[in-house]
Protein backbone atom coordinates (compact mmCIF):
# COMPACT_ATOMS: atom_id res chain seq x y z
CA MET A 1 -31.85 22.80 -10.07
CA ALA A 2 -32.57 26.63 -9.08
CA GLN A 3 -30.22 29.38 -9.43
CA ASN A 4 -28.05 30.20 -6.35
CA GLY A 5 -28.68 27.42 -4.67
CA SER A 6 -32.49 27.51 -3.35
CA GLY A 7 -34.97 23.84 -3.75
CA LYS A 8 -33.02 20.65 -5.00
CA GLY A 9 -29.09 20.49 -5.59
CA ARG A 10 -27.18 18.36 -7.93
CA ASN A 11 -28.62 14.89 -8.26
CA GLY A 12 -30.90 15.77 -5.93
CA SER A 13 -29.70 16.51 -3.01
CA ALA A 14 -31.07 18.94 -0.60
CA GLY A 15 -29.08 22.40 -0.29
CA GLY A 16 -28.61 22.88 -3.71
CA SER A 17 -25.60 24.69 -5.53
CA ASN A 18 -23.01 26.73 -3.70
CA GLY A 19 -23.46 24.48 -0.18
CA ARG A 20 -26.73 26.03 0.95
CA GLY A 21 -29.09 24.22 3.53
CA ALA A 22 -27.42 20.77 4.29
CA GLY A 23 -24.82 18.64 2.66
CA LYS A 24 -24.65 15.31 0.34
CA ASN A 25 -27.95 13.60 0.55
CA GLY A 26 -29.41 16.19 2.26
CA ARG A 27 -27.69 15.60 5.35
CA VAL A 28 -24.32 16.26 7.15
CA ALA A 29 -22.20 13.97 7.80
CA LYS A 30 -21.77 13.25 11.86
CA LEU A 31 -18.38 13.98 13.66
CA ARG A 32 -16.45 11.16 15.23
CA THR A 33 -16.98 11.32 18.72
CA VAL A 34 -13.57 12.11 20.02
CA THR A 35 -12.34 13.14 23.56
CA ALA A 36 -10.42 16.20 24.98
CA GLY A 37 -6.80 15.67 25.90
CA PRO A 38 -4.03 13.06 24.65
CA VAL A 39 -6.34 11.83 22.09
CA ILE A 40 -6.05 15.14 19.74
CA SER A 41 -2.51 15.68 20.53
CA ILE A 42 -1.66 12.05 19.59
CA GLY A 43 -4.17 9.11 17.78
CA GLN A 44 -6.74 11.72 16.48
CA ASP A 45 -8.73 9.79 14.19
CA PHE A 46 -10.67 12.18 11.97
CA ALA A 47 -12.44 10.48 9.66
CA ALA A 48 -15.22 7.87 10.42
CA ALA A 49 -16.31 4.43 7.84
CA GLU A 50 -19.30 6.48 6.82
CA ASP A 51 -17.04 9.27 5.40
CA PHE A 52 -15.52 7.13 2.88
CA GLY A 53 -18.42 5.59 2.21
CA SER A 54 -19.41 9.34 0.57
CA PHE A 55 -16.88 7.59 -2.56
CA ALA A 56 -19.02 4.50 -2.88
CA GLY A 57 -19.76 4.00 -6.67
CA LYS A 58 -17.77 8.11 -7.27
CA SER A 59 -15.42 9.03 -9.69
CA VAL A 60 -12.86 10.91 -7.83
CA LEU A 61 -9.76 13.06 -9.52
CA VAL A 62 -6.56 14.13 -7.29
CA THR A 63 -4.36 16.67 -8.82
CA GLY A 64 -0.85 16.05 -7.69
CA GLY A 65 -1.77 12.73 -7.73
CA THR A 66 1.96 11.34 -7.05
CA GLY A 67 2.92 13.36 -4.29
CA SER A 68 3.26 12.14 -0.62
CA PHE A 69 -0.40 13.11 -0.14
CA GLY A 70 -1.68 11.82 -3.60
CA ARG A 71 -0.54 8.16 -2.97
CA ARG A 72 -1.02 7.66 -0.06
CA PHE A 73 -5.01 9.64 -0.41
CA VAL A 74 -5.06 6.77 -3.35
CA GLU A 75 -4.14 3.86 -1.16
CA GLU A 76 -6.47 4.75 1.72
CA LEU A 77 -9.41 5.25 -1.19
CA MET A 78 -8.30 1.88 -2.15
CA ALA A 79 -8.58 -0.16 0.77
CA ARG A 80 -11.06 1.72 2.17
CA ALA A 81 -14.00 3.28 -0.13
CA LYS A 82 -15.26 1.35 -3.57
CA PRO A 83 -15.16 4.41 -6.02
CA LYS A 84 -16.11 3.70 -9.31
CA ARG A 85 -12.92 5.52 -11.18
CA LEU A 86 -9.77 6.82 -9.24
CA ILE A 87 -7.98 9.23 -11.12
CA VAL A 88 -4.29 9.71 -10.81
CA PHE A 89 -3.56 13.15 -12.59
CA SER A 90 0.29 14.44 -12.26
CA ARG A 91 2.89 15.24 -14.61
CA ASP A 92 5.46 12.97 -13.44
CA GLU A 93 5.80 9.83 -16.31
CA TYR A 94 8.06 8.29 -14.37
CA LYS A 95 6.34 8.66 -10.83
CA GLN A 96 2.89 6.99 -12.73
CA TYR A 97 4.98 4.38 -13.90
CA GLU A 98 6.12 3.82 -10.28
CA MET A 99 2.79 4.07 -8.49
CA GLN A 100 1.31 1.80 -11.04
CA SER A 101 3.38 -0.73 -10.88
CA ALA A 102 3.67 -0.89 -6.47
CA LEU A 103 -0.57 -0.46 -7.00
CA ASP A 104 -0.46 -3.36 -9.44
CA GLY A 105 -2.73 -6.48 -8.52
CA LYS A 106 -4.27 -4.68 -5.63
CA ASP A 107 -7.42 -4.53 -6.73
CA ALA A 108 -6.85 -1.51 -8.97
CA ARG A 109 -9.56 -1.80 -11.55
CA ALA A 110 -10.16 2.16 -10.54
CA LEU A 111 -7.49 3.36 -11.16
CA ARG A 112 -6.58 5.61 -14.29
CA PHE A 113 -3.70 7.24 -14.55
CA PHE A 114 -3.41 10.82 -16.47
CA ILE A 115 -0.77 12.69 -17.16
CA GLY A 116 -1.14 16.09 -17.25
CA ASP A 117 -0.30 19.72 -15.75
CA VAL A 118 -2.88 22.30 -13.59
CA ARG A 119 -1.13 24.89 -15.82
CA ASP A 120 -3.30 23.20 -18.44
CA VAL A 121 -7.19 23.67 -18.36
CA GLU A 122 -7.61 22.02 -21.23
CA ARG A 123 -6.23 19.07 -20.16
CA LEU A 124 -7.73 19.37 -17.31
CA GLU A 125 -11.63 19.69 -18.75
CA LEU A 126 -10.31 15.86 -20.29
CA ALA A 127 -9.88 14.47 -17.22
CA MET A 128 -12.54 16.10 -15.36
CA ARG A 129 -15.28 14.69 -17.38
CA GLU A 130 -18.01 12.49 -15.35
CA VAL A 131 -15.59 13.13 -12.03
CA ASP A 132 -17.69 13.62 -9.56
CA PHE A 133 -15.28 14.91 -6.74
CA VAL A 134 -11.76 16.50 -7.27
CA ILE A 135 -8.98 16.73 -4.54
CA HIS A 136 -6.91 19.34 -5.59
CA ALA A 137 -3.55 18.74 -4.19
CA ALA A 138 -0.55 19.78 -6.81
CA ALA A 139 1.64 22.58 -5.64
CA LEU A 140 5.07 23.79 -6.01
CA LYS A 141 5.58 23.53 -1.76
CA HIS A 142 9.41 24.26 -1.38
CA VAL A 143 9.82 27.88 0.39
CA PRO A 144 13.10 29.00 -1.31
CA ALA A 145 12.19 27.54 -4.63
CA ALA A 146 9.48 29.55 -4.80
CA GLU A 147 11.50 32.55 -3.38
CA TYR A 148 13.76 31.96 -6.49
CA ASN A 149 11.45 30.84 -8.95
CA PRO A 150 8.27 33.33 -8.79
CA PHE A 151 6.79 32.54 -11.63
CA GLU A 152 6.82 29.32 -12.01
CA CYS A 153 5.08 29.10 -8.44
CA ILE A 154 2.93 31.85 -9.26
CA LYS A 155 1.60 29.86 -12.67
CA THR A 156 1.93 26.11 -10.64
CA ASN A 157 -0.07 27.37 -7.50
CA VAL A 158 -2.47 30.54 -8.44
CA GLU A 159 -2.97 30.14 -12.21
CA GLY A 160 -3.77 26.27 -11.77
CA ALA A 161 -5.90 26.51 -9.32
CA GLN A 162 -7.74 29.11 -11.19
CA ASN A 163 -7.56 26.14 -13.76
CA VAL A 164 -8.96 23.57 -11.69
CA VAL A 165 -11.94 25.41 -10.62
CA THR A 166 -12.67 26.46 -14.16
CA ALA A 167 -12.55 22.77 -14.99
CA ALA A 168 -14.72 21.60 -12.24
CA LEU A 169 -17.20 24.43 -13.01
CA ARG A 170 -17.20 23.37 -16.87
CA CYS A 171 -17.46 19.46 -16.22
CA GLY A 172 -20.45 19.61 -13.48
CA VAL A 173 -18.03 18.29 -10.31
CA GLU A 174 -20.21 18.03 -7.52
CA ARG A 175 -17.31 18.43 -4.63
CA VAL A 176 -13.84 19.89 -5.00
CA VAL A 177 -11.51 20.35 -1.80
CA ALA A 178 -8.18 22.01 -2.12
CA LEU A 179 -5.24 21.30 0.12
CA SER A 180 -3.92 24.59 1.53
CA THR A 181 -1.09 25.15 4.55
CA ASP A 182 -0.48 27.17 7.49
CA LYS A 183 1.75 29.23 5.38
CA ALA A 184 -0.80 30.59 3.97
CA ALA A 185 -2.21 32.34 6.89
CA ASN A 186 -0.07 35.88 7.21
CA PRO A 187 2.02 34.96 4.66
CA ILE A 188 5.53 36.30 4.43
CA ASN A 189 6.82 34.32 1.30
CA LEU A 190 5.59 33.40 -2.31
CA TYR A 191 4.63 29.79 -1.49
CA GLY A 192 2.32 31.31 1.25
CA ALA A 193 0.71 34.31 -0.50
CA SER A 194 0.63 31.93 -3.44
CA LYS A 195 -1.34 29.39 -1.39
CA LEU A 196 -3.47 32.72 0.22
CA ALA A 197 -4.56 33.40 -3.43
CA SER A 198 -5.40 29.98 -4.24
CA ASP A 199 -7.33 29.62 -1.11
CA LYS A 200 -9.44 32.91 -1.90
CA ILE A 201 -10.15 31.63 -5.48
CA PHE A 202 -11.14 28.13 -4.54
CA ILE A 203 -13.69 29.55 -1.59
CA ALA A 204 -14.96 32.02 -4.54
CA ALA A 205 -15.87 29.81 -6.98
CA ASN A 206 -18.90 28.92 -4.49
CA ASN A 207 -21.09 32.27 -6.13
CA MET A 208 -19.71 31.25 -9.64
CA SER A 209 -21.03 27.70 -9.71
CA GLY A 210 -24.94 29.32 -9.83
CA SER A 211 -27.08 26.28 -11.64
CA VAL A 212 -24.30 23.78 -11.92
CA GLY A 213 -24.31 23.27 -8.23
CA THR A 214 -19.90 22.08 -7.88
CA ARG A 215 -19.08 23.40 -4.23
CA PHE A 216 -15.58 24.20 -2.90
CA SER A 217 -13.94 24.14 -0.09
CA VAL A 218 -10.18 24.08 1.31
CA VAL A 219 -8.34 22.29 4.04
CA ARG A 220 -5.97 23.93 6.20
CA TYR A 221 -3.43 21.58 7.87
CA GLY A 222 0.72 22.04 9.48
CA ASN A 223 3.49 19.63 8.11
CA VAL A 224 3.36 16.42 7.44
CA MET A 225 5.21 13.96 9.15
CA GLU A 226 6.13 11.44 6.86
CA SER A 227 6.42 14.18 3.14
CA ARG A 228 9.17 14.07 0.89
CA GLY A 229 11.28 16.94 1.58
CA GLY A 230 10.54 17.67 4.84
CA VAL A 231 12.88 17.75 7.87
CA VAL A 232 11.85 13.89 9.43
CA GLU A 233 12.91 13.14 5.83
CA LEU A 234 16.33 14.81 6.16
CA PHE A 235 16.95 14.20 9.67
CA ASP A 236 16.06 10.63 8.85
CA ARG A 237 18.98 10.58 5.81
CA LEU A 238 21.57 12.32 7.80
CA LEU A 239 21.53 9.78 10.61
CA ARG A 240 21.45 7.08 8.10
CA GLN A 241 24.37 9.23 6.44
CA GLY A 242 26.47 8.77 10.16
CA ALA A 243 25.82 12.15 10.70
CA THR A 244 27.45 13.43 13.83
CA GLU A 245 25.52 16.83 14.24
CA LEU A 246 21.75 17.71 12.63
CA PRO A 247 20.99 21.09 10.92
CA ILE A 248 19.03 22.98 13.66
CA THR A 249 17.43 26.90 11.43
CA ASP A 250 16.49 27.81 15.20
CA PRO A 251 15.88 25.92 18.02
CA ARG A 252 12.98 27.77 19.43
CA MET A 253 11.11 27.22 16.08
CA SER A 254 7.69 25.29 16.51
CA ARG A 255 5.18 23.82 13.83
CA PHE A 256 2.10 22.14 13.80
CA TRP A 257 2.76 18.36 13.00
CA ILE A 258 0.12 15.75 11.07
CA THR A 259 0.75 12.60 9.72
CA LEU A 260 -0.10 11.37 6.13
CA ARG A 261 -3.24 8.97 6.91
CA GLN A 262 -4.43 12.35 9.38
CA GLY A 263 -4.50 14.51 6.67
CA VAL A 264 -5.97 12.28 4.15
CA ASP A 265 -8.66 10.71 6.92
CA PHE A 266 -8.90 15.11 6.92
CA VAL A 267 -9.57 15.72 3.70
CA VAL A 268 -12.16 13.02 3.74
CA SER A 269 -14.30 13.65 6.45
CA SER A 270 -13.80 17.88 5.14
CA LEU A 271 -15.56 16.66 1.75
CA ALA A 272 -17.91 14.55 3.17
CA MET A 273 -19.16 17.75 5.64
CA MET A 274 -18.30 20.59 3.41
CA GLN A 275 -21.28 23.05 2.52
CA GLY A 276 -19.06 24.72 0.21
CA GLY A 277 -16.84 28.09 1.16
CA GLU A 278 -15.23 26.89 4.09
CA ILE A 279 -11.82 25.99 5.56
CA PHE A 280 -11.64 22.93 7.23
CA VAL A 281 -8.55 23.58 9.65
CA PRO A 282 -7.41 20.22 12.32
CA LYS A 283 -6.59 20.89 15.96
CA ILE A 284 -3.29 19.32 15.97
CA PRO A 285 -0.49 18.86 17.84
CA SER A 286 2.74 21.22 17.81
CA MET A 287 6.51 20.24 18.29
CA ASN A 288 9.67 22.31 18.89
CA VAL A 289 12.22 21.44 16.18
CA LEU A 290 14.69 20.90 18.30
CA ASP A 291 12.34 18.40 20.68
CA LEU A 292 12.07 17.09 17.29
CA ALA A 293 15.60 16.70 16.57
CA ASN A 294 16.56 15.17 19.97
CA SER A 295 13.71 12.89 19.76
CA LEU A 296 15.15 11.32 16.65
CA ALA A 297 18.39 11.70 17.69
CA PRO A 298 18.67 11.57 21.29
CA GLY A 299 21.97 12.69 22.65
CA LEU A 300 23.20 14.01 19.07
CA PRO A 301 24.88 17.36 18.54
CA HIS A 302 22.96 20.26 16.79
CA ARG A 303 23.94 22.65 14.67
CA VAL A 304 22.14 25.55 13.94
CA ILE A 305 22.13 27.03 10.50
CA GLY A 306 19.64 30.07 11.05
CA ILE A 307 16.50 30.64 9.25
CA ARG A 308 15.97 30.19 5.95
CA PRO A 309 14.86 33.21 3.85
CA GLY A 310 10.74 33.28 4.04
CA GLU A 311 10.84 30.68 6.63
CA LYS A 312 8.84 31.97 10.26
CA LEU A 313 9.48 30.69 13.91
CA HIS A 314 6.15 29.82 14.38
CA GLU A 315 3.13 29.27 12.17
CA VAL A 316 -0.95 29.97 12.55
CA LEU A 317 -3.69 28.51 11.53
CA VAL A 318 -6.06 30.48 12.31
CA THR A 319 -5.85 34.03 12.50
CA GLU A 320 -7.09 36.56 14.96
CA ASP A 321 -8.97 38.29 12.00
CA ASP A 322 -9.61 34.72 10.63
CA ALA A 323 -11.25 34.28 14.51
CA ARG A 324 -14.20 36.84 14.07
CA GLN A 325 -15.73 34.19 11.40
CA THR A 326 -14.23 30.48 13.22
CA ILE A 327 -16.69 28.19 14.94
CA GLU A 328 -15.05 24.90 16.53
CA LEU A 329 -16.05 21.40 16.51
CA GLN A 330 -14.30 18.58 18.96
CA ASP A 331 -11.39 17.83 16.35
CA ARG A 332 -11.36 20.87 14.13
CA TYR A 333 -12.22 24.46 13.43
CA VAL A 334 -14.22 25.71 10.47
CA ILE A 335 -13.34 29.37 9.01
CA GLU A 336 -16.95 30.62 7.38
CA PRO A 337 -17.15 32.35 4.03
CA LEU A 338 -18.36 35.95 4.17
CA PHE A 339 -21.36 34.88 1.81
CA ARG A 340 -24.78 36.51 2.39
CA TRP A 341 -26.67 32.52 1.70
CA TRP A 342 -24.26 31.16 4.10
CA LYS A 343 -25.88 29.45 7.48
CA ARG A 344 -24.11 28.14 10.03
CA THR A 345 -27.10 25.77 11.35
CA PRO A 346 -25.90 22.30 10.31
CA TYR A 347 -22.56 23.10 12.55
CA VAL A 348 -24.02 24.17 15.27
CA ALA A 349 -26.31 20.80 14.80
CA LEU A 350 -23.13 18.93 15.49
CA GLY A 351 -22.27 21.31 18.16
CA ALA A 352 -20.32 23.79 17.23
CA LYS A 353 -19.18 27.00 19.37
CA GLN A 354 -17.88 30.47 18.13
CA VAL A 355 -13.93 30.77 19.28
CA PRO A 356 -13.15 33.46 21.75
CA GLU A 357 -12.92 37.32 20.34
CA GLY A 358 -8.41 37.52 19.87
CA PHE A 359 -8.93 33.76 19.41
CA ARG A 360 -5.70 32.57 17.83
CA TYR A 361 -4.27 29.08 16.77
CA ALA A 362 -0.71 29.24 16.74
CA SER A 363 2.13 26.50 16.82
CA ASP A 364 3.90 28.01 20.19
CA THR A 365 0.51 28.30 22.13
CA ASN A 366 -0.81 25.57 21.02
CA ALA A 367 -2.80 23.39 23.94
CA HIS A 368 -1.53 20.15 22.56
CA TRP A 369 1.96 19.15 22.52
CA LEU A 370 4.12 16.10 21.08
CA ASP A 371 6.87 14.85 23.19
CA ALA A 372 9.36 12.29 22.14
CA GLU A 373 7.23 9.45 22.89
CA GLY A 374 4.34 11.02 20.65
CA VAL A 375 6.67 11.60 17.60
CA HIS A 376 7.75 7.53 17.57
CA ARG A 377 4.12 6.64 18.00
CA LEU A 378 3.10 8.78 14.80
CA LEU A 379 5.72 7.41 12.77
CA ALA A 380 5.30 3.82 13.69
CA GLY A 381 1.84 4.09 12.50
CA PRO A 382 -2.19 4.36 13.37
CA ALA A 383 -2.68 1.64 16.04
CA ALA A 384 0.34 2.66 17.79
CA ALA A 385 -0.96 6.49 18.18
CA VAL A 386 -3.91 5.09 19.26
CA GLN A 387 -2.08 2.94 21.48
CA ALA A 388 -0.16 5.95 22.91
CA ALA A 389 -3.16 8.18 23.19
CA ALA A 390 -5.04 5.57 25.29
CA SER A 391 -2.20 5.12 27.57
CA ALA A 392 -1.32 8.94 27.64
């Protein structure tokens, strides 16, 4: 394999290290054809069967594998792909036990459970031996907790990212996709700042891969409907406890929303098409927090509690500064890296276009919004979401 990506890449695929040229096996995965409008707003399907086919016969490791995303990722991969090994890497022994018990008997022969922390680079190296793909989902995500425990946040989110990169390079991993957040765009809290630093580490890692050929990319999206500790879970718990009102931080507040399945699909499809160095941003709907509360509990009064330290009124996924190197596809935006060797040719072949000067993808100016029906459809599952999109 040639240095810095010339000639053939790892395992003989065209494009070489650092993601130059075509993708896996000399091709860039095709995007699933979507139509504009309500389909993107409600029932967007980001991954095609061929994207999951990229995992066939591969060894895959997911850090933070017992978290909301990690668990759903494992379940989807077991159901829709045939990986050789599927390694759950996390530090919580009891969550691993629960997950292993729940998945027992569901053709779980490929499953492996590694107890470890991304702060421990030696343990990561042991876990990544002969691994092809890494999905990095481990992070300290709670904004107030990060503000109160800054050293711990940095150790996990920043030093942990460095350790994942180091282990992946030493073990010759083929591709790494790191999960990010809308809070990393123009961050005002430590969690967002730590994830911005993490994003920069993973993008810059493409310059370090040399003849190893490891490629690194980032996926950035908004709030996950079903995530543990999220506002939807909070409202649901309060309603089950018989709450007579719901706490609202600010009635003007808006957020981007995505379901766990959509998040998994988006990561899978991004891994299939990545060249190395991109930040992938899905086209997902926004919703006002007041409308969300009214959707889940129509007629229930609200109590305004104020914005917490480190929170924004609205979130941004693509800033005006990022727009200068952002291209648009049918179902996503791609923020390109500023590498000398970078070529957008594979994305142009997929119909990519440069976004306009001054473009900004923010939750308050988004063209796609959820209503009460859309929220319930999303929470009900993919089939209901598609039905809602078709009838819209």
